[in-house]
Protein backbone atom coordinates (compact mmCIF):
# COMPACT_ATOMS: atom_id res chain seq x y z
CA THR A 1 36.05 39.16 -14.30
CA TYR A 2 32.76 38.85 -15.00
CA ALA A 3 32.71 37.34 -17.90
CA MET A 4 34.74 34.60 -17.00
CA ALA A 5 32.34 34.10 -13.96
CA ALA A 6 28.96 33.87 -15.88
CA MET A 7 30.28 31.44 -17.93
CA GLN A 8 31.55 29.47 -15.49
CA SER A 9 28.07 29.63 -13.60
CA PHE A 10 26.58 28.96 -17.39
CA LEU A 11 28.46 25.82 -17.68
CA PHE A 12 27.44 24.12 -14.05
CA PHE A 13 24.22 25.02 -14.21
CA VAL A 14 23.81 23.23 -17.51
CA SER A 15 26.45 20.15 -16.63
CA SER A 16 23.74 19.84 -13.45
CA ASP A 17 20.11 18.54 -13.99
CA GLU A 18 18.66 21.79 -12.95
CA PRO A 19 17.91 22.45 -16.40
CA GLN A 20 15.87 19.53 -16.91
CA HIS A 21 13.79 20.29 -13.25
CA ALA A 22 13.00 23.52 -14.82
CA TYR A 23 11.57 22.25 -18.05
CA THR A 24 9.58 19.75 -16.18
CA PHE A 25 8.21 22.30 -13.59
CA PHE A 26 6.92 24.99 -16.00
CA SER A 27 5.65 21.97 -18.53
CA ALA A 28 3.37 21.55 -14.92
CA ASN A 29 3.02 25.17 -14.45
CA PRO A 30 2.95 27.11 -17.69
CA THR A 31 1.23 30.09 -16.21
CA LEU A 32 4.34 30.96 -14.06
CA LEU A 33 6.45 31.49 -16.38
CA ALA A 34 4.25 34.44 -17.76
CA LYS A 35 4.09 35.66 -14.08
CA MET A 36 7.76 35.68 -13.75
CA PHE A 37 8.21 37.52 -17.23
CA CYS A 38 5.57 40.12 -15.83
CA SER A 39 7.04 40.79 -12.35
CA GLU A 40 10.92 41.34 -14.06
CA ILE A 41 9.17 44.14 -16.09
CA PHE A 42 7.60 45.47 -13.51
CA GLY A 43 10.15 45.37 -11.16
CA TYR A 44 12.46 47.14 -13.90
CA ALA A 45 9.65 49.80 -14.20
CA SER A 46 9.74 50.39 -10.84
CA ILE A 47 13.36 50.87 -10.35
CA SER A 48 13.50 52.84 -13.19
CA MET A 49 10.67 55.23 -11.99
CA VAL A 50 12.37 55.64 -8.44
CA VAL A 51 16.01 56.65 -10.23
CA ARG A 52 13.94 59.28 -12.39
CA LEU A 53 12.25 60.68 -9.37
CA VAL A 54 15.85 61.03 -7.50
CA ALA A 55 16.97 62.29 -10.60
CA HIS A 56 14.50 65.11 -11.10
CA TYR A 57 13.29 65.75 -7.35
CA GLY A 58 16.06 64.84 -5.42
CA ALA A 59 16.60 62.16 -2.94
CA THR A 60 14.36 63.28 0.14
CA ASN A 61 11.51 63.89 -2.00
CA ALA A 62 11.65 60.52 -3.57
CA GLU A 63 11.74 59.00 -0.19
CA VAL A 64 8.80 60.59 1.00
CA ALA A 65 6.83 59.50 -2.48
CA LYS A 66 8.05 55.85 -1.78
CA THR A 67 7.06 55.78 1.49
CA ALA A 68 3.37 57.59 0.50
CA ARG A 69 3.22 54.63 -1.93
CA LYS A 70 3.68 51.74 0.44
CA GLY A 71 1.17 53.74 2.76
CA VAL A 72 -1.19 53.76 0.03
CA VAL A 73 -0.72 49.90 -0.88
CA LEU A 74 -1.00 48.80 2.94
CA PHE A 75 -4.27 50.91 3.34
CA PHE A 76 -5.67 49.69 -0.13
CA SER A 77 -4.52 45.70 1.23
CA LEU A 78 -5.91 46.31 4.41
CA VAL A 79 -9.12 48.01 4.26
CA VAL A 80 -10.27 47.75 0.41
CA ILE A 81 -9.36 44.29 -0.22
CA GLU A 82 -9.37 42.79 3.46
CA GLY A 83 -12.24 44.92 4.66
CA LYS A 84 -10.93 45.70 8.16
CA ALA A 85 -11.62 48.84 10.03
CA ILE A 86 -8.76 51.05 10.80
């Protein structure tokens, strides 16, 4: 089951040298841990909003909203940040 697989994965992880590598890496780059945490929080919030959109407006309208958001992000990154003309 899932609990057994999780326990096996945990034991393999702990018995390897990966925890030491992770500690060394994050000791050298402490800001990355905070960035990873923020990324996880925003990822959860994004998925939660999409599920709420689907529940409230339906799948088609949620897809339209997601596509419009991607278009706005692309426009912002190309025109505002990069300064490229369309």
